[in-house]
PDB file of N, CA and C in Angstrom:
ATOM      1  N   MET A   1      65.228 -61.850 -70.188  1.00  0.00           N
ATOM      2  CA  MET A   1      66.527 -61.835 -70.812  1.00  0.00           C
ATOM      3  C   MET A   1      67.323 -60.633 -70.315  1.00  0.00           C
ATOM      4  N   LEU A   2      68.621 -60.784 -70.349  1.00  0.00           N
ATOM      5  CA  LEU A   2      69.497 -59.694 -69.938  1.00  0.00           C
ATOM      6  C   LEU A   2      70.015 -58.946 -71.160  1.00  0.00           C
ATOM      7  N   TYR A   3      70.144 -57.633 -70.998  1.00  0.00           N
ATOM      8  CA  TYR A   3      70.655 -56.771 -72.065  1.00  0.00           C
ATOM      9  C   TYR A   3      71.684 -55.818 -71.474  1.00  0.00           C
ATOM     10  N   ALA A   4      72.740 -55.595 -72.241  1.00  0.00           N
ATOM     11  CA  ALA A   4      73.749 -54.604 -71.873  1.00  0.00           C
ATOM     12  C   ALA A   4      73.416 -53.314 -72.596  1.00  0.00           C
ATOM     13  N   VAL A   5      73.250 -52.260 -71.829  1.00  0.00           N
ATOM     14  CA  VAL A   5      73.040 -50.918 -72.386  1.00  0.00           C
ATOM     15  C   VAL A   5      74.388 -50.204 -72.245  1.00  0.00           C
ATOM     16  N   ILE A   6      75.013 -49.937 -73.380  1.00  0.00           N
ATOM     17  CA  ILE A   6      76.358 -49.362 -73.410  1.00  0.00           C
ATOM     18  C   ILE A   6      76.252 -47.940 -73.942  1.00  0.00           C
ATOM     19  N   CYS A   7      76.592 -46.982 -73.092  1.00  0.00           N
ATOM     20  CA  CYS A   7      76.419 -45.571 -73.425  1.00  0.00           C
ATOM     21  C   CYS A   7      77.759 -44.845 -73.350  1.00  0.00           C
ATOM     22  N   ARG A   8      78.024 -44.035 -74.337  1.00  0.00           N
ATOM     23  CA  ARG A   8      79.233 -43.200 -74.358  1.00  0.00           C
ATOM     24  C   ARG A   8      78.791 -41.743 -74.270  1.00  0.00           C
ATOM     25  N   ASP A   9      79.361 -41.027 -73.314  1.00  0.00           N
ATOM     26  CA  ASP A   9      79.000 -39.616 -73.128  1.00  0.00           C
ATOM     27  C   ASP A   9      79.575 -38.752 -74.244  1.00  0.00           C
ATOM     28  N   LYS A  10      78.890 -37.650 -74.516  1.00  0.00           N
ATOM     29  CA  LYS A  10      79.432 -36.633 -75.411  1.00  0.00           C
ATOM     30  C   LYS A  10      80.657 -36.008 -74.752  1.00  0.00           C
ATOM     31  N   GLU A  11      81.590 -35.581 -75.552  1.00  0.00           N
ATOM     32  CA  GLU A  11      82.783 -34.891 -75.055  1.00  0.00           C
ATOM     33  C   GLU A  11      82.359 -33.661 -74.256  1.00  0.00           C
ATOM     34  N   GLY A  12      82.943 -33.482 -73.087  1.00  0.00           N
ATOM     35  CA  GLY A  12      82.676 -32.298 -72.276  1.00  0.00           C
ATOM     36  C   GLY A  12      81.322 -32.269 -71.599  1.00  0.00           C
ATOM     37  N   ALA A  13      80.669 -33.430 -71.458  1.00  0.00           N
ATOM     38  CA  ALA A  13      79.308 -33.465 -70.907  1.00  0.00           C
ATOM     39  C   ALA A  13      79.252 -33.891 -69.442  1.00  0.00           C
ATOM     40  N   LEU A  14      80.384 -33.857 -68.743  1.00  0.00           N
ATOM     41  CA  LEU A  14      80.397 -34.303 -67.352  1.00  0.00           C
ATOM     42  C   LEU A  14      79.388 -33.534 -66.503  1.00  0.00           C
ATOM     43  N   GLN A  15      79.258 -32.241 -66.694  1.00  0.00           N
ATOM     44  CA  GLN A  15      78.317 -31.465 -65.878  1.00  0.00           C
ATOM     45  C   GLN A  15      76.874 -31.901 -66.132  1.00  0.00           C
ATOM     46  N   THR A  16      76.543 -32.247 -67.376  1.00  0.00           N
ATOM     47  CA  THR A  16      75.204 -32.769 -67.678  1.00  0.00           C
ATOM     48  C   THR A  16      74.964 -34.049 -66.891  1.00  0.00           C
ATOM     49  N   ARG A  17      75.965 -34.918 -66.856  1.00  0.00           N
ATOM     50  CA  ARG A  17      75.857 -36.167 -66.091  1.00  0.00           C
ATOM     51  C   ARG A  17      75.631 -35.868 -64.611  1.00  0.00           C
ATOM     52  N   LEU A  18      76.418 -34.974 -64.060  1.00  0.00           N
ATOM     53  CA  LEU A  18      76.301 -34.649 -62.642  1.00  0.00           C
ATOM     54  C   LEU A  18      74.946 -34.019 -62.329  1.00  0.00           C
ATOM     55  N   ASP A  19      74.481 -33.134 -63.197  1.00  0.00           N
ATOM     56  CA  ASP A  19      73.204 -32.448 -62.980  1.00  0.00           C
ATOM     57  C   ASP A  19      72.008 -33.391 -63.071  1.00  0.00           C
ATOM     58  N   THR A  20      72.139 -34.476 -63.818  1.00  0.00           N
ATOM     59  CA  THR A  20      71.024 -35.386 -64.091  1.00  0.00           C
ATOM     60  C   THR A  20      71.112 -36.673 -63.272  1.00  0.00           C
ATOM     61  N   ARG A  21      72.170 -36.844 -62.520  1.00  0.00           N
ATOM     62  CA  ARG A  21      72.434 -38.100 -61.814  1.00  0.00           C
ATOM     63  C   ARG A  21      71.303 -38.510 -60.877  1.00  0.00           C
ATOM     64  N   ALA A  22      70.754 -37.599 -60.109  1.00  0.00           N
ATOM     65  CA  ALA A  22      69.679 -37.957 -59.169  1.00  0.00           C
ATOM     66  C   ALA A  22      68.456 -38.485 -59.911  1.00  0.00           C
ATOM     67  N   ALA A  23      68.090 -37.856 -61.014  1.00  0.00           N
ATOM     68  CA  ALA A  23      66.940 -38.314 -61.802  1.00  0.00           C
ATOM     69  C   ALA A  23      67.228 -39.684 -62.425  1.00  0.00           C
ATOM     70  N   HIS A  24      68.452 -39.893 -62.893  1.00  0.00           N
ATOM     71  CA  HIS A  24      68.866 -41.190 -63.452  1.00  0.00           C
ATOM     72  C   HIS A  24      68.743 -42.288 -62.397  1.00  0.00           C
ATOM     73  N   LEU A  25      69.252 -42.050 -61.195  1.00  0.00           N
ATOM     74  CA  LEU A  25      69.179 -43.044 -60.126  1.00  0.00           C
ATOM     75  C   LEU A  25      67.736 -43.311 -59.694  1.00  0.00           C
ATOM     76  N   ALA A  26      66.909 -42.284 -59.679  1.00  0.00           N
ATOM     77  CA  ALA A  26      65.490 -42.458 -59.344  1.00  0.00           C
ATOM     78  C   ALA A  26      64.787 -43.306 -60.404  1.00  0.00           C
ATOM     79  N   TYR A  27      65.137 -43.102 -61.669  1.00  0.00           N
ATOM     80  CA  TYR A  27      64.576 -43.891 -62.778  1.00  0.00           C
ATOM     81  C   TYR A  27      64.959 -45.356 -62.625  1.00  0.00           C
ATOM     82  N   ILE A  28      66.207 -45.603 -62.288  1.00  0.00           N
ATOM     83  CA  ILE A  28      66.661 -46.978 -62.069  1.00  0.00           C
ATOM     84  C   ILE A  28      65.840 -47.629 -60.956  1.00  0.00           C
ATOM     85  N   GLU A  29      65.669 -46.937 -59.855  1.00  0.00           N
ATOM     86  CA  GLU A  29      64.901 -47.478 -58.732  1.00  0.00           C
ATOM     87  C   GLU A  29      63.439 -47.697 -59.118  1.00  0.00           C
ATOM     88  N   LYS A  30      62.843 -46.729 -59.793  1.00  0.00           N
ATOM     89  CA  LYS A  30      61.426 -46.787 -60.162  1.00  0.00           C
ATOM     90  C   LYS A  30      61.130 -47.932 -61.128  1.00  0.00           C
ATOM     91  N   THR A  31      61.993 -48.135 -62.123  1.00  0.00           N
ATOM     92  CA  THR A  31      61.708 -49.129 -63.155  1.00  0.00           C
ATOM     93  C   THR A  31      61.991 -50.551 -62.695  1.00  0.00           C
ATOM     94  N   GLY A  32      62.948 -50.742 -61.800  1.00  0.00           N
ATOM     95  CA  GLY A  32      63.206 -52.049 -61.216  1.00  0.00           C
ATOM     96  C   GLY A  32      63.780 -53.113 -62.139  1.00  0.00           C
ATOM     97  N   VAL A  33      64.320 -52.735 -63.295  1.00  0.00           N
ATOM     98  CA  VAL A  33      64.844 -53.731 -64.229  1.00  0.00           C
ATOM     99  C   VAL A  33      66.371 -53.816 -64.236  1.00  0.00           C
ATOM    100  N   VAL A  34      67.037 -52.909 -63.551  1.00  0.00           N
ATOM    101  CA  VAL A  34      68.497 -52.865 -63.575  1.00  0.00           C
ATOM    102  C   VAL A  34      69.064 -53.897 -62.609  1.00  0.00           C
ATOM    103  N   LYS A  35      69.946 -54.744 -63.140  1.00  0.00           N
ATOM    104  CA  LYS A  35      70.594 -55.783 -62.334  1.00  0.00           C
ATOM    105  C   LYS A  35      71.962 -55.338 -61.844  1.00  0.00           C
ATOM    106  N   MET A  36      72.660 -54.529 -62.621  1.00  0.00           N
ATOM    107  CA  MET A  36      73.935 -53.932 -62.213  1.00  0.00           C
ATOM    108  C   MET A  36      74.217 -52.773 -63.151  1.00  0.00           C
ATOM    109  N   ALA A  37      75.001 -51.825 -62.652  1.00  0.00           N
ATOM    110  CA  ALA A  37      75.291 -50.649 -63.469  1.00  0.00           C
ATOM    111  C   ALA A  37      76.479 -49.900 -62.904  1.00  0.00           C
ATOM    112  N   GLY A  38      77.093 -49.111 -63.751  1.00  0.00           N
ATOM    113  CA  GLY A  38      78.181 -48.256 -63.308  1.00  0.00           C
ATOM    114  C   GLY A  38      78.743 -47.467 -64.473  1.00  0.00           C
ATOM    115  N   PRO A  39      79.499 -46.423 -64.140  1.00  0.00           N
ATOM    116  CA  PRO A  39      80.053 -45.575 -65.189  1.00  0.00           C
ATOM    117  C   PRO A  39      81.360 -46.122 -65.752  1.00  0.00           C
ATOM    118  N   PHE A  40      81.604 -45.812 -67.018  1.00  0.00           N
ATOM    119  CA  PHE A  40      82.939 -45.986 -67.586  1.00  0.00           C
ATOM    120  C   PHE A  40      83.774 -44.801 -67.113  1.00  0.00           C
ATOM    121  N   LEU A  41      85.077 -45.019 -66.977  1.00  0.00           N
ATOM    122  CA  LEU A  41      85.979 -43.958 -66.520  1.00  0.00           C
ATOM    123  C   LEU A  41      87.083 -43.725 -67.538  1.00  0.00           C
ATOM    124  N   SER A  42      87.486 -42.482 -67.648  1.00  0.00           N
ATOM    125  CA  SER A  42      88.653 -42.098 -68.433  1.00  0.00           C
ATOM    126  C   SER A  42      89.442 -41.118 -67.589  1.00  0.00           C
ATOM    127  N   GLU A  43      90.647 -41.508 -67.217  1.00  0.00           N
ATOM    128  CA  GLU A  43      91.486 -40.685 -66.345  1.00  0.00           C
ATOM    129  C   GLU A  43      90.744 -40.286 -65.078  1.00  0.00           C
ATOM    130  N   GLY A  44      89.952 -41.250 -64.551  1.00  0.00           N
ATOM    131  CA  GLY A  44      89.234 -41.043 -63.303  1.00  0.00           C
ATOM    132  C   GLY A  44      87.918 -40.294 -63.418  1.00  0.00           C
ATOM    133  N   GLN A  45      87.568 -39.824 -64.613  1.00  0.00           N
ATOM    134  CA  GLN A  45      86.326 -39.070 -64.820  1.00  0.00           C
ATOM    135  C   GLN A  45      85.286 -39.954 -65.507  1.00  0.00           C
ATOM    136  N   MET A  46      84.013 -39.839 -65.087  1.00  0.00           N
ATOM    137  CA  MET A  46      82.933 -40.588 -65.719  1.00  0.00           C
ATOM    138  C   MET A  46      82.789 -40.147 -67.174  1.00  0.00           C
ATOM    139  N   CYS A  47      82.650 -41.144 -68.067  1.00  0.00           N
ATOM    140  CA  CYS A  47      82.575 -40.825 -69.501  1.00  0.00           C
ATOM    141  C   CYS A  47      81.583 -41.706 -70.241  1.00  0.00           C
ATOM    142  N   GLY A  48      80.777 -42.454 -69.526  1.00  0.00           N
ATOM    143  CA  GLY A  48      79.801 -43.337 -70.147  1.00  0.00           C
ATOM    144  C   GLY A  48      79.196 -44.241 -69.108  1.00  0.00           C
ATOM    145  N   SER A  49      78.372 -45.175 -69.554  1.00  0.00           N
ATOM    146  CA  SER A  49      77.677 -46.067 -68.626  1.00  0.00           C
ATOM    147  C   SER A  49      77.567 -47.466 -69.200  1.00  0.00           C
ATOM    148  N   LEU A  50      77.614 -48.447 -68.309  1.00  0.00           N
ATOM    149  CA  LEU A  50      77.243 -49.821 -68.623  1.00  0.00           C
ATOM    150  C   LEU A  50      76.118 -50.182 -67.674  1.00  0.00           C
ATOM    151  N   VAL A  51      74.971 -50.528 -68.229  1.00  0.00           N
ATOM    152  CA  VAL A  51      73.808 -50.886 -67.427  1.00  0.00           C
ATOM    153  C   VAL A  51      73.312 -52.243 -67.920  1.00  0.00           C
ATOM    154  N   ILE A  52      73.185 -53.193 -67.024  1.00  0.00           N
ATOM    155  CA  ILE A  52      72.620 -54.498 -67.361  1.00  0.00           C
ATOM    156  C   ILE A  52      71.173 -54.500 -66.884  1.00  0.00           C
ATOM    157  N   VAL A  53      70.260 -54.671 -67.843  1.00  0.00           N
ATOM    158  CA  VAL A  53      68.829 -54.666 -67.530  1.00  0.00           C
ATOM    159  C   VAL A  53      68.231 -56.030 -67.842  1.00  0.00           C
ATOM    160  N   GLU A  54      67.196 -56.380 -67.113  1.00  0.00           N
ATOM    161  CA  GLU A  54      66.450 -57.606 -67.390  1.00  0.00           C
ATOM    162  C   GLU A  54      65.086 -57.201 -67.932  1.00  0.00           C
ATOM    163  N   CYS A  55      64.857 -57.515 -69.207  1.00  0.00           N
ATOM    164  CA  CYS A  55      63.621 -57.136 -69.893  1.00  0.00           C
ATOM    165  C   CYS A  55      63.111 -58.316 -70.708  1.00  0.00           C
ATOM    166  N   ASP A  56      61.848 -58.247 -71.115  1.00  0.00           N
ATOM    167  CA  ASP A  56      61.232 -59.325 -71.888  1.00  0.00           C
ATOM    168  C   ASP A  56      61.691 -59.366 -73.339  1.00  0.00           C
ATOM    169  N   SER A  57      62.196 -58.237 -73.848  1.00  0.00           N
ATOM    170  CA  SER A  57      62.567 -58.176 -75.264  1.00  0.00           C
ATOM    171  C   SER A  57      63.588 -57.074 -75.499  1.00  0.00           C
ATOM    172  N   LEU A  58      64.219 -57.127 -76.654  1.00  0.00           N
ATOM    173  CA  LEU A  58      65.132 -56.069 -77.055  1.00  0.00           C
ATOM    174  C   LEU A  58      64.401 -54.733 -77.141  1.00  0.00           C
ATOM    175  N   ASP A  59      63.187 -54.746 -77.671  1.00  0.00           N
ATOM    176  CA  ASP A  59      62.403 -53.507 -77.758  1.00  0.00           C
ATOM    177  C   ASP A  59      62.184 -52.896 -76.379  1.00  0.00           C
ATOM    178  N   ALA A  60      61.895 -53.730 -75.389  1.00  0.00           N
ATOM    179  CA  ALA A  60      61.671 -53.225 -74.027  1.00  0.00           C
ATOM    180  C   ALA A  60      62.958 -52.649 -73.447  1.00  0.00           C
ATOM    181  N   ALA A  61      64.091 -53.308 -73.710  1.00  0.00           N
ATOM    182  CA  ALA A  61      65.375 -52.796 -73.227  1.00  0.00           C
ATOM    183  C   ALA A  61      65.723 -51.472 -73.908  1.00  0.00           C
ATOM    184  N   GLN A  62      65.454 -51.381 -75.200  1.00  0.00           N
ATOM    185  CA  GLN A  62      65.701 -50.127 -75.919  1.00  0.00           C
ATOM    186  C   GLN A  62      64.788 -49.014 -75.410  1.00  0.00           C
ATOM    187  N   ALA A  63      63.547 -49.354 -75.101  1.00  0.00           N
ATOM    188  CA  ALA A  63      62.618 -48.365 -74.550  1.00  0.00           C
ATOM    189  C   ALA A  63      63.098 -47.893 -73.177  1.00  0.00           C
ATOM    190  N   TRP A  64      63.620 -48.820 -72.366  1.00  0.00           N
ATOM    191  CA  TRP A  64      64.159 -48.420 -71.069  1.00  0.00           C
ATOM    192  C   TRP A  64      65.297 -47.426 -71.274  1.00  0.00           C
ATOM    193  N   ALA A  65      66.208 -47.741 -72.185  1.00  0.00           N
ATOM    194  CA  ALA A  65      67.352 -46.855 -72.444  1.00  0.00           C
ATOM    195  C   ALA A  65      66.886 -45.486 -72.942  1.00  0.00           C
ATOM    196  N   ALA A  66      65.884 -45.460 -73.788  1.00  0.00           N
ATOM    197  CA  ALA A  66      65.375 -44.188 -74.321  1.00  0.00           C
ATOM    198  C   ALA A  66      64.706 -43.353 -73.237  1.00  0.00           C
ATOM    199  N   GLY A  67      64.147 -44.015 -72.220  1.00  0.00           N
ATOM    200  CA  GLY A  67      63.469 -43.306 -71.141  1.00  0.00           C
ATOM    201  C   GLY A  67      64.387 -42.813 -70.033  1.00  0.00           C
ATOM    202  N   ASP A  68      65.644 -43.176 -70.086  1.00  0.00           N
ATOM    203  CA  ASP A  68      66.612 -42.766 -69.060  1.00  0.00           C
ATOM    204  C   ASP A  68      66.772 -41.242 -69.082  1.00  0.00           C
ATOM    205  N   PRO A  69      66.672 -40.589 -67.938  1.00  0.00           N
ATOM    206  CA  PRO A  69      66.872 -39.140 -67.896  1.00  0.00           C
ATOM    207  C   PRO A  69      68.209 -38.679 -68.481  1.00  0.00           C
ATOM    208  N   TYR A  70      69.238 -39.507 -68.401  1.00  0.00           N
ATOM    209  CA  TYR A  70      70.499 -39.151 -69.050  1.00  0.00           C
ATOM    210  C   TYR A  70      70.291 -38.990 -70.553  1.00  0.00           C
ATOM    211  N   ALA A  71      69.540 -39.903 -71.164  1.00  0.00           N
ATOM    212  CA  ALA A  71      69.266 -39.814 -72.604  1.00  0.00           C
ATOM    213  C   ALA A  71      68.454 -38.561 -72.916  1.00  0.00           C
ATOM    214  N   ALA A  72      67.433 -38.296 -72.100  1.00  0.00           N
ATOM    215  CA  ALA A  72      66.593 -37.112 -72.318  1.00  0.00           C
ATOM    216  C   ALA A  72      67.388 -35.812 -72.191  1.00  0.00           C
ATOM    217  N   ALA A  73      68.424 -35.832 -71.360  1.00  0.00           N
ATOM    218  CA  ALA A  73      69.253 -34.640 -71.155  1.00  0.00           C
ATOM    219  C   ALA A  73      70.286 -34.456 -72.268  1.00  0.00           C
ATOM    220  N   GLY A  74      70.366 -35.422 -73.192  1.00  0.00           N
ATOM    221  CA  GLY A  74      71.315 -35.318 -74.293  1.00  0.00           C
ATOM    222  C   GLY A  74      72.744 -35.646 -73.902  1.00  0.00           C
ATOM    223  N   LEU A  75      72.919 -36.447 -72.852  1.00  0.00           N
ATOM    224  CA  LEU A  75      74.252 -36.775 -72.360  1.00  0.00           C
ATOM    225  C   LEU A  75      75.054 -37.635 -73.336  1.00  0.00           C
ATOM    226  N   PHE A  76      74.377 -38.533 -74.041  1.00  0.00           N
ATOM    227  CA  PHE A  76      75.098 -39.573 -74.761  1.00  0.00           C
ATOM    228  C   PHE A  76      75.421 -39.221 -76.212  1.00  0.00           C
ATOM    229  N   GLU A  77      76.646 -39.593 -76.587  1.00  0.00           N
ATOM    230  CA  GLU A  77      77.072 -39.549 -77.982  1.00  0.00           C
ATOM    231  C   GLU A  77      76.521 -40.771 -78.718  1.00  0.00           C
ATOM    232  N   SER A  78      76.504 -41.918 -78.011  1.00  0.00           N
ATOM    233  CA  SER A  78      75.992 -43.151 -78.608  1.00  0.00           C
ATOM    234  C   SER A  78      75.414 -44.051 -77.527  1.00  0.00           C
ATOM    235  N   VAL A  79      74.440 -44.853 -77.946  1.00  0.00           N
ATOM    236  CA  VAL A  79      73.825 -45.853 -77.063  1.00  0.00           C
ATOM    237  C   VAL A  79      73.660 -47.136 -77.874  1.00  0.00           C
ATOM    238  N   SER A  80      74.109 -48.237 -77.295  1.00  0.00           N
ATOM    239  CA  SER A  80      73.955 -49.548 -77.916  1.00  0.00           C
ATOM    240  C   SER A  80      73.278 -50.466 -76.910  1.00  0.00           C
ATOM    241  N   VAL A  81      72.309 -51.243 -77.378  1.00  0.00           N
ATOM    242  CA  VAL A  81      71.637 -52.212 -76.516  1.00  0.00           C
ATOM    243  C   VAL A  81      71.842 -53.583 -77.145  1.00  0.00           C
ATOM    244  N   GLN A  82      72.439 -54.483 -76.379  1.00  0.00           N
ATOM    245  CA  GLN A  82      72.824 -55.799 -76.890  1.00  0.00           C
ATOM    246  C   GLN A  82      72.391 -56.873 -75.910  1.00  0.00           C
ATOM    247  N   GLU A  83      71.772 -57.957 -76.420  1.00  0.00           N
ATOM    248  CA  GLU A  83      71.457 -59.084 -75.539  1.00  0.00           C
ATOM    249  C   GLU A  83      72.759 -59.592 -74.926  1.00  0.00           C
ATOM    250  N   TRP A  84      72.695 -59.960 -73.646  1.00  0.00           N
ATOM    251  CA  TRP A  84      73.889 -60.329 -72.894  1.00  0.00           C
ATOM    252  C   TRP A  84      73.597 -61.583 -72.085  1.00  0.00           C
ATOM    253  N   LYS A  85      74.584 -62.471 -71.993  1.00  0.00           N
ATOM    254  CA  LYS A  85      74.430 -63.698 -71.231  1.00  0.00           C
ATOM    255  C   LYS A  85      75.413 -63.692 -70.058  1.00  0.00           C
ATOM    256  N   LYS A  86      74.898 -63.792 -68.866  1.00  0.00           N
ATOM    257  CA  LYS A  86      75.733 -63.878 -67.669  1.00  0.00           C
ATOM    258  C   LYS A  86      76.308 -65.287 -67.571  1.00  0.00           C
ATOM    259  N   VAL A  87      77.623 -65.382 -67.422  1.00  0.00           N
ATOM    260  CA  VAL A  87      78.282 -66.676 -67.308  1.00  0.00           C
ATOM    261  C   VAL A  87      79.001 -66.802 -65.959  1.00  0.00           C
ATOM    262  N   ILE A  88      79.641 -65.754 -65.512  1.00  0.00           N
ATOM    263  CA  ILE A  88      80.414 -65.782 -64.269  1.00  0.00           C
ATOM    264  C   ILE A  88      79.912 -64.688 -63.349  1.00  0.00           C
ATOM    265  N   GLY A  89      79.859 -64.982 -62.053  1.00  0.00           N
ATOM    266  CA  GLY A  89      79.463 -63.978 -61.081  1.00  0.00           C
ATOM    267  C   GLY A  89      78.062 -64.065 -60.782  1.00  0.00           C
TER     268      GLY A  89
END
């Protein structure tokens, strides 16, 4: 099943995102469950993330989100994991 991991960064946390980006990308590569991903932007600056993961269950998708180095670094103000259905694209 596909899940949307929707993350909003804490105010003023851009440097945390930049400092942790390599570890985040390595985690994505290592886990192999990400189907597409990218940052949300506000006035051209990264301010959150949308990650579509393919996992067996909501619990597995939530565990993936909790294991993200961005989460461990305290980047996010909020994280939501929602089952998602691909219709177009």
